[in-house]
Amino acid sequence: MSEDPKKTKESLLNSERPTRVLTETSHSQIESLALGKTTGSPTFKLIEKHQGTKTLFKKFREMNWPLDIHPLNKSLVKDNKWRRTDETQEKRRSFLQEFCKKYGGVSHPQSHLFHMVSRIYVEDKHKILYCEVPKAGCSNWKRILMVLNGLAPSAYNISHDAVHYGKHLKKLDSFDLKGIYTRLNTYTKAVFVRDPMERLVSAFRDKFEHPNSYYHPVFGKAIIKKYRPNACEEALNNGSGVTFKEFVHYLLDSHRPVGMDIHWEKVSKLCYPCLINYDFVGKFETLEEDANYFLQMIGAPKELKFPNFKDRHSSDERTNAQVVRQYLKDLTRTERQLIYDFYYLDYLMFNYTTPFL
């Protein structure tokens, strides 16, 4: 990564970048965006670049793909305490829907259907599809799916390895085409997201600040070799000690030495929210409230509550806005802006405010 900010911009972006995103309360701004009133803005130009071909999107239209918002079945929600949660949920769904109606082509048309649904977990008993977004509560969500499936009596007794390395849960790409389409059109589809900058820092802390037999030798060694001048032999051999700045250089490098990883991949590429019509959009920032409302809505057992424990490195402070600020201190303003540019679709789709720029 070049130390010259101008060269960095040219080599990594090659396009104008958005300078702001919409706040959760500013619906007039998204309306203007959706109606095309901001055609001269950098954001509009950046999105228009991704509209090229809409082959896949058009194909799904022809197949009666569910593009419109369908009312959620709330007949099982009896408690009035969920009214505010329900109102917030409707705003999130509408916001995402309006964005996708205008910019449906921002997803990648070349994506194969089986790849598009490869991150989606299936729970047939309660007819749920859950798209896994790492570092946004996914471990505890998979524990919940195992309980709903009858695979475990409690979410609190399932180990991390059983969640992530066991073959207990089915993914949507394990079904044939008919099975995939039927479930996409009839099951309740949920995705839980997180502020992209916070999610990125959380992923770095988890994978690079603790011993890891995969991320250090595979990613760490390659990152240190390319982005650390005069690296010592020990660091080159074991890949440990990657700094956040080095990790960011890798993330933003269009010629990165190793590929992307689901823990810091964009949600727009993990879950395809403009091609798959999610019925429920939860956020990590309100995780327990959203998750428990969702569980009541789908008729889960009353005693089943979303677990609130930290899945790994429980003694570490949870990654929050204050922690993120500490990590961003090591970055230049240009680097912080480039991270936002990298995740701009996630910021726009899920209506997150501009990060610490």
Protein backbone atom coordinates (compact mmCIF):
# COMPACT_ATOMS: atom_id res chain seq x y z
CA MET A 1 0.00 0.00 0.00
CA SER A 2 1.49 3.36 -1.02
CA GLU A 3 2.31 5.86 1.72
CA ASP A 4 1.26 8.67 -0.61
CA PRO A 5 -2.46 9.36 0.02
CA LYS A 6 -3.01 10.46 -3.57
CA LYS A 7 -1.45 7.31 -4.99
CA THR A 8 -3.36 5.24 -2.47
CA LYS A 9 -6.65 6.69 -3.61
CA GLU A 10 -5.88 6.19 -7.27
CA SER A 11 -4.61 2.64 -6.97
CA LEU A 12 -7.23 1.30 -4.56
CA LEU A 13 -10.35 3.17 -5.51
CA ASN A 14 -10.12 4.18 -9.16
CA SER A 15 -13.43 5.92 -8.65
CA GLU A 16 -15.06 8.70 -6.73
CA ARG A 17 -16.08 7.71 -3.25
CA PRO A 18 -19.13 8.59 -1.17
CA THR A 19 -18.50 11.24 1.45
CA ARG A 20 -21.37 10.42 3.77
CA VAL A 21 -24.14 7.93 4.40
CA LEU A 22 -27.67 8.27 5.70
CA THR A 23 -28.60 8.37 9.34
CA GLU A 24 -31.24 5.98 10.64
CA THR A 25 -33.70 8.86 11.16
CA SER A 26 -33.21 10.62 7.84
CA HIS A 27 -35.83 9.02 5.61
CA SER A 28 -36.07 12.08 3.37
CA GLN A 29 -32.48 11.48 2.31
CA ILE A 30 -33.08 7.88 1.30
CA GLU A 31 -36.21 8.97 -0.52
CA SER A 32 -34.14 11.45 -2.50
CA LEU A 33 -31.57 8.76 -3.20
CA ALA A 34 -34.23 6.28 -4.28
CA LEU A 35 -35.93 8.84 -6.53
CA GLY A 36 -32.67 9.73 -8.20
CA LYS A 37 -32.62 13.33 -6.95
CA THR A 38 -28.94 13.16 -6.04
CA THR A 39 -27.64 12.25 -9.48
CA GLY A 40 -24.70 14.59 -9.16
CA SER A 41 -23.43 13.19 -5.88
CA PRO A 42 -20.35 10.97 -5.57
CA THR A 43 -22.51 8.30 -3.91
CA PHE A 44 -24.86 8.18 -6.89
CA LYS A 45 -21.98 7.94 -9.36
CA LEU A 46 -20.31 5.20 -7.34
CA ILE A 47 -23.47 3.11 -7.25
CA GLU A 48 -24.22 3.71 -10.91
CA LYS A 49 -20.84 2.13 -11.74
CA HIS A 50 -22.15 -1.16 -10.38
CA GLN A 51 -25.34 -1.13 -12.42
CA GLY A 52 -23.81 -2.36 -15.68
CA THR A 53 -25.60 -5.60 -16.41
CA LYS A 54 -28.62 -6.75 -14.41
CA THR A 55 -28.88 -10.16 -15.98
CA LEU A 56 -29.34 -12.16 -12.82
CA PHE A 57 -31.65 -9.61 -11.24
CA LYS A 58 -33.81 -9.61 -14.38
CA LYS A 59 -33.82 -13.42 -14.41
CA PHE A 60 -35.18 -13.51 -10.87
CA ARG A 61 -37.90 -11.03 -11.82
CA GLU A 62 -39.01 -13.39 -14.56
CA MET A 63 -39.14 -16.26 -12.05
CA ASN A 64 -41.53 -14.34 -9.79
CA TRP A 65 -38.68 -13.72 -7.41
CA PRO A 66 -40.04 -12.20 -4.17
CA LEU A 67 -39.04 -8.55 -4.57
CA ASP A 68 -41.87 -6.93 -2.64
CA ILE A 69 -42.13 -6.72 1.12
CA HIS A 70 -44.42 -9.39 2.49
CA PRO A 71 -46.17 -8.77 5.82
CA LEU A 72 -44.56 -10.68 8.65
CA ASN A 73 -46.76 -13.12 10.52
CA LYS A 74 -47.04 -11.45 13.91
CA SER A 75 -49.98 -13.48 15.18
CA LEU A 76 -47.77 -15.15 17.80
CA VAL A 77 -46.54 -11.84 19.22
CA LYS A 78 -48.91 -11.14 22.10
CA ASP A 79 -46.88 -8.74 24.23
CA ASN A 80 -47.21 -4.99 23.61
CA LYS A 81 -43.63 -4.45 24.79
CA TRP A 82 -42.49 -5.35 21.25
CA ARG A 83 -44.26 -2.42 19.61
CA ARG A 84 -41.13 -0.24 19.36
CA THR A 85 -39.06 -3.19 18.12
CA ASP A 86 -41.69 -3.92 15.50
CA GLU A 87 -41.75 -0.32 14.29
CA THR A 88 -37.96 -0.27 14.03
CA GLN A 89 -38.04 -3.54 12.09
CA GLU A 90 -40.54 -2.20 9.56
CA LYS A 91 -38.39 0.89 9.01
CA ARG A 92 -35.30 -1.23 8.40
CA ARG A 93 -37.08 -3.49 5.93
CA SER A 94 -38.60 -0.55 4.07
CA PHE A 95 -35.28 1.27 3.96
CA LEU A 96 -33.47 -1.72 2.48
CA GLN A 97 -36.32 -2.43 0.08
CA GLU A 98 -36.36 1.13 -1.27
CA PHE A 99 -32.61 1.04 -1.74
CA CYS A 100 -32.77 -2.26 -3.61
CA LYS A 101 -35.66 -1.19 -5.83
CA LYS A 102 -33.52 1.64 -7.09
CA TYR A 103 -30.16 -0.12 -7.10
CA GLY A 104 -31.00 -3.79 -7.50
CA GLY A 105 -28.09 -4.23 -9.87
CA VAL A 106 -25.43 -3.53 -7.27
CA SER A 107 -25.19 -7.23 -6.45
CA HIS A 108 -22.94 -9.29 -8.65
CA PRO A 109 -24.87 -10.66 -11.67
CA GLN A 110 -22.33 -13.41 -12.30
CA SER A 111 -23.01 -14.98 -8.91
CA HIS A 112 -24.27 -18.53 -9.11
CA LEU A 113 -27.43 -19.34 -7.17
CA PHE A 114 -25.79 -22.05 -5.07
CA HIS A 115 -23.03 -19.63 -4.12
CA MET A 116 -25.56 -16.93 -3.26
CA VAL A 117 -27.30 -19.14 -0.71
CA SER A 118 -24.18 -20.86 0.64
CA ARG A 119 -24.16 -18.78 3.85
CA ILE A 120 -27.84 -19.42 4.62
CA TYR A 121 -28.75 -21.93 7.34
CA VAL A 122 -32.04 -23.82 7.25
CA GLU A 123 -34.33 -24.74 10.14
CA ASP A 124 -37.26 -26.64 8.64
CA LYS A 125 -39.41 -27.13 11.74
CA HIS A 126 -40.05 -23.42 12.24
CA LYS A 127 -39.40 -22.58 8.57
CA ILE A 128 -36.46 -20.26 9.11
CA LEU A 129 -33.62 -19.20 6.83
CA TYR A 130 -30.77 -17.42 8.61
CA CYS A 131 -27.91 -15.83 6.68
CA GLU A 132 -24.70 -16.05 8.65
CA VAL A 133 -22.73 -12.81 9.06
CA PRO A 134 -19.60 -13.57 11.10
CA LYS A 135 -18.91 -11.21 14.02
CA ALA A 136 -22.58 -10.23 14.21
CA GLY A 137 -23.82 -12.78 16.72
CA CYS A 138 -23.64 -15.77 14.37
CA SER A 139 -22.29 -18.29 16.92
CA ASN A 140 -25.21 -17.79 19.28
CA TRP A 141 -27.64 -17.75 16.38
CA LYS A 142 -26.39 -21.15 15.27
CA ARG A 143 -26.82 -22.38 18.84
CA ILE A 144 -30.43 -21.19 18.70
CA LEU A 145 -30.98 -23.01 15.39
CA MET A 146 -29.61 -26.22 16.92
CA VAL A 147 -32.05 -25.95 19.82
CA LEU A 148 -34.95 -25.23 17.46
CA ASN A 149 -33.91 -28.28 15.42
CA GLY A 150 -34.03 -30.46 18.53
CA LEU A 151 -30.28 -31.06 18.38
CA ALA A 152 -29.60 -29.65 21.85
CA PRO A 153 -31.72 -28.92 24.93
CA SER A 154 -30.10 -25.54 25.67
CA ALA A 155 -28.09 -22.94 23.78
CA TYR A 156 -25.80 -22.57 26.80
CA ASN A 157 -24.44 -26.12 26.62
CA ILE A 158 -23.12 -26.07 23.05
CA SER A 159 -19.38 -25.60 22.57
CA HIS A 160 -17.80 -23.25 20.04
CA ASP A 161 -16.36 -26.20 18.09
CA ALA A 162 -19.73 -27.97 17.95
CA VAL A 163 -21.28 -24.79 16.55
CA HIS A 164 -18.71 -24.08 13.88
CA TYR A 165 -17.19 -27.45 13.02
CA GLY A 166 -20.05 -29.83 13.62
CA LYS A 167 -22.24 -30.94 10.72
CA HIS A 168 -25.48 -30.51 12.64
CA LEU A 169 -27.09 -27.69 10.67
CA LYS A 170 -28.15 -27.72 7.04
CA LYS A 171 -27.31 -24.98 4.58
CA LEU A 172 -29.57 -23.93 1.76
CA ASP A 173 -27.07 -24.88 -0.93
CA SER A 174 -27.38 -28.54 0.16
CA PHE A 175 -30.87 -28.72 -1.40
CA ASP A 176 -31.78 -29.08 -5.05
CA LEU A 177 -33.10 -26.12 -7.04
CA LYS A 178 -36.72 -26.83 -6.18
CA GLY A 179 -35.86 -27.10 -2.48
CA ILE A 180 -33.98 -23.81 -2.60
CA TYR A 181 -36.72 -21.87 -4.41
CA THR A 182 -39.49 -23.32 -2.25
CA ARG A 183 -37.74 -22.31 0.96
CA LEU A 184 -36.76 -18.88 -0.31
CA ASN A 185 -40.38 -18.17 -1.20
CA THR A 186 -42.08 -19.64 1.87
CA TYR A 187 -39.70 -19.50 4.85
CA THR A 188 -39.00 -16.49 7.09
CA LYS A 189 -35.63 -15.14 6.02
CA ALA A 190 -33.48 -13.31 8.57
CA VAL A 191 -30.15 -11.51 8.44
CA PHE A 192 -28.33 -9.87 11.34
CA VAL A 193 -25.77 -7.18 10.53
CA ARG A 194 -23.29 -4.94 12.38
CA ASP A 195 -21.59 -1.60 11.90
CA PRO A 196 -18.90 -2.52 9.32
CA MET A 197 -16.02 -0.74 11.07
CA GLU A 198 -16.89 -2.35 14.41
CA ARG A 199 -17.24 -5.75 12.77
CA LEU A 200 -13.83 -5.35 11.10
CA VAL A 201 -12.08 -4.50 14.37
CA SER A 202 -13.85 -7.40 16.09
CA ALA A 203 -12.62 -9.80 13.41
CA PHE A 204 -9.05 -8.52 13.67
CA ARG A 205 -9.01 -8.87 17.46
CA ASP A 206 -10.40 -12.40 17.31
CA LYS A 207 -8.18 -13.77 14.55
CA PHE A 208 -4.88 -11.93 15.01
CA GLU A 209 -4.55 -10.97 18.69
CA HIS A 210 -4.92 -14.51 19.99
CA PRO A 211 -3.12 -17.74 19.01
CA ASN A 212 -4.72 -19.17 15.90
CA SER A 213 -3.54 -22.21 13.98
CA TYR A 214 -5.18 -21.08 10.74
CA TYR A 215 -5.19 -17.28 10.48
CA HIS A 216 -1.61 -16.74 11.62
CA PRO A 217 0.11 -19.12 9.17
CA VAL A 218 -2.28 -18.49 6.26
CA PHE A 219 -3.05 -14.78 6.52
CA GLY A 220 -0.51 -13.52 9.07
CA LYS A 221 2.60 -14.73 7.26
CA ALA A 222 1.45 -13.32 3.91
CA ILE A 223 0.46 -9.98 5.45
CA ILE A 224 3.76 -9.53 7.30
CA LYS A 225 5.78 -10.53 4.25
CA LYS A 226 4.12 -7.96 2.00
CA TYR A 227 3.38 -5.04 4.31
CA ARG A 228 6.15 -5.05 6.96
CA PRO A 229 9.52 -3.72 5.79
CA ASN A 230 12.50 -5.60 7.24
CA ALA A 231 10.33 -8.15 9.04
CA CYS A 232 12.27 -10.48 11.35
CA GLU A 233 12.58 -14.14 10.49
CA GLU A 234 10.44 -15.25 13.44
CA ALA A 235 7.49 -13.11 12.33
CA LEU A 236 7.83 -14.33 8.75
CA ASN A 237 7.84 -17.94 9.93
CA ASN A 238 4.91 -17.91 12.33
CA GLY A 239 2.74 -15.03 11.10
CA SER A 240 1.99 -13.79 14.60
CA GLY A 241 1.88 -10.15 15.65
CA VAL A 242 0.09 -8.62 12.66
CA THR A 243 -0.79 -5.00 13.46
CA PHE A 244 -4.16 -3.48 12.69
CA LYS A 245 -2.53 -1.08 10.22
CA GLU A 246 -0.93 -4.00 8.36
CA PHE A 247 -4.27 -5.81 8.33
CA VAL A 248 -5.96 -2.73 6.85
CA HIS A 249 -3.27 -2.50 4.15
CA TYR A 250 -4.07 -6.10 3.21
CA LEU A 251 -7.84 -5.44 3.21
CA LEU A 252 -7.55 -2.44 0.90
CA ASP A 253 -5.02 -3.95 -1.49
CA SER A 254 -6.62 -4.92 -4.79
CA HIS A 255 -3.69 -7.33 -5.22
CA ARG A 256 -3.84 -8.76 -1.71
CA PRO A 257 -1.54 -11.79 -1.28
CA VAL A 258 -4.31 -14.00 0.15
CA GLY A 259 -8.00 -13.90 -0.62
CA MET A 260 -10.92 -12.52 1.36
CA ASP A 261 -12.39 -14.24 4.39
CA ILE A 262 -16.00 -14.40 5.55
CA HIS A 263 -15.15 -12.69 8.85
CA TRP A 264 -14.44 -9.40 7.09
CA GLU A 265 -16.24 -9.92 3.78
CA LYS A 266 -19.00 -7.42 2.97
CA VAL A 267 -22.54 -8.41 3.93
CA SER A 268 -23.59 -7.46 0.41
CA LYS A 269 -21.40 -10.35 -0.83
CA LEU A 270 -22.27 -12.80 1.95
CA CYS A 271 -26.07 -12.52 1.94
CA TYR A 272 -27.02 -10.71 -1.31
CA PRO A 273 -29.70 -8.54 0.33
CA CYS A 274 -30.82 -7.01 -2.97
CA LEU A 275 -31.46 -10.41 -4.56
CA ILE A 276 -32.76 -12.29 -1.54
CA ASN A 277 -35.72 -10.56 0.08
CA TYR A 278 -35.02 -10.79 3.81
CA ASP A 279 -38.13 -10.63 5.96
CA PHE A 280 -36.23 -9.65 9.10
CA VAL A 281 -33.22 -7.33 9.41
CA GLY A 282 -31.65 -7.53 12.85
CA LYS A 283 -28.71 -5.50 14.08
CA PHE A 284 -25.92 -6.45 16.44
CA GLU A 285 -26.40 -3.14 18.22
CA THR A 286 -29.84 -4.30 19.38
CA LEU A 287 -29.11 -8.03 19.13
CA GLU A 288 -30.93 -9.49 22.13
CA GLU A 289 -34.04 -7.37 21.65
CA ASP A 290 -34.26 -8.13 17.93
CA ALA A 291 -33.46 -11.83 18.36
CA ASN A 292 -35.99 -12.43 21.14
CA TYR A 293 -38.68 -10.60 19.17
CA PHE A 294 -37.89 -12.78 16.16
CA LEU A 295 -38.05 -15.96 18.27
CA GLN A 296 -41.48 -15.02 19.59
CA MET A 297 -42.65 -14.17 16.10
CA ILE A 298 -41.71 -17.60 14.66
CA GLY A 299 -43.28 -19.52 17.54
CA ALA A 300 -40.14 -20.69 19.33
CA PRO A 301 -40.56 -22.28 22.76
CA LYS A 302 -41.28 -19.59 25.36
CA GLU A 303 -38.34 -20.60 27.51
CA LEU A 304 -35.87 -20.17 24.62
CA LYS A 305 -34.04 -16.85 24.91
CA PHE A 306 -31.15 -15.57 22.86
CA PRO A 307 -27.91 -16.16 24.82
CA ASN A 308 -25.97 -13.07 25.78
CA PHE A 309 -22.58 -14.59 26.54
CA LYS A 310 -19.41 -13.82 24.59
CA ASP A 311 -18.55 -16.85 22.49
CA ARG A 312 -14.73 -16.63 22.57
CA HIS A 313 -12.08 -14.75 24.53
CA SER A 314 -14.66 -13.98 27.17
CA SER A 315 -12.20 -12.01 29.31
CA ASP A 316 -11.64 -9.46 26.52
CA GLU A 317 -13.70 -6.31 26.43
CA ARG A 318 -16.40 -6.50 23.80
CA THR A 319 -15.66 -4.56 20.65
CA ASN A 320 -17.64 -1.33 20.83
CA ALA A 321 -17.35 2.23 19.54
CA GLN A 322 -14.81 3.18 22.18
CA VAL A 323 -12.61 0.18 21.38
CA VAL A 324 -12.86 0.92 17.65
CA ARG A 325 -11.61 4.48 18.21
CA GLN A 326 -8.47 3.13 19.85
CA TYR A 327 -7.66 0.99 16.81
CA LEU A 328 -8.40 3.76 14.34
CA LYS A 329 -5.87 6.05 16.05
CA ASP A 330 -3.12 4.14 14.25
CA LEU A 331 -4.62 4.89 10.84
CA THR A 332 -4.45 8.00 8.70
CA ARG A 333 -7.64 9.83 7.76
CA THR A 334 -7.21 8.52 4.21
CA GLU A 335 -7.00 4.93 5.43
CA ARG A 336 -10.14 5.37 7.53
CA GLN A 337 -11.95 6.82 4.53
CA LEU A 338 -10.81 3.93 2.34
CA ILE A 339 -12.21 1.41 4.80
CA TYR A 340 -15.54 3.20 4.57
CA ASP A 341 -15.31 3.14 0.79
CA PHE A 342 -14.64 -0.59 0.90
CA TYR A 343 -17.81 -1.20 2.94
CA TYR A 344 -19.92 1.60 1.44
CA LEU A 345 -22.71 -0.74 0.25
CA ASP A 346 -23.12 -2.21 3.73
CA TYR A 347 -23.24 1.28 5.21
CA LEU A 348 -25.87 2.36 2.68
CA MET A 349 -28.04 -0.77 2.62
CA PHE A 350 -28.35 -1.04 6.38
CA ASN A 351 -28.42 2.68 7.09
CA TYR A 352 -25.36 2.95 9.30
CA THR A 353 -23.98 6.40 9.99
CA THR A 354 -20.60 7.56 8.77
CA PRO A 355 -17.83 6.03 10.88
CA PHE A 356 -15.01 7.79 12.67
CA LEU A 357 -13.70 9.85 9.77
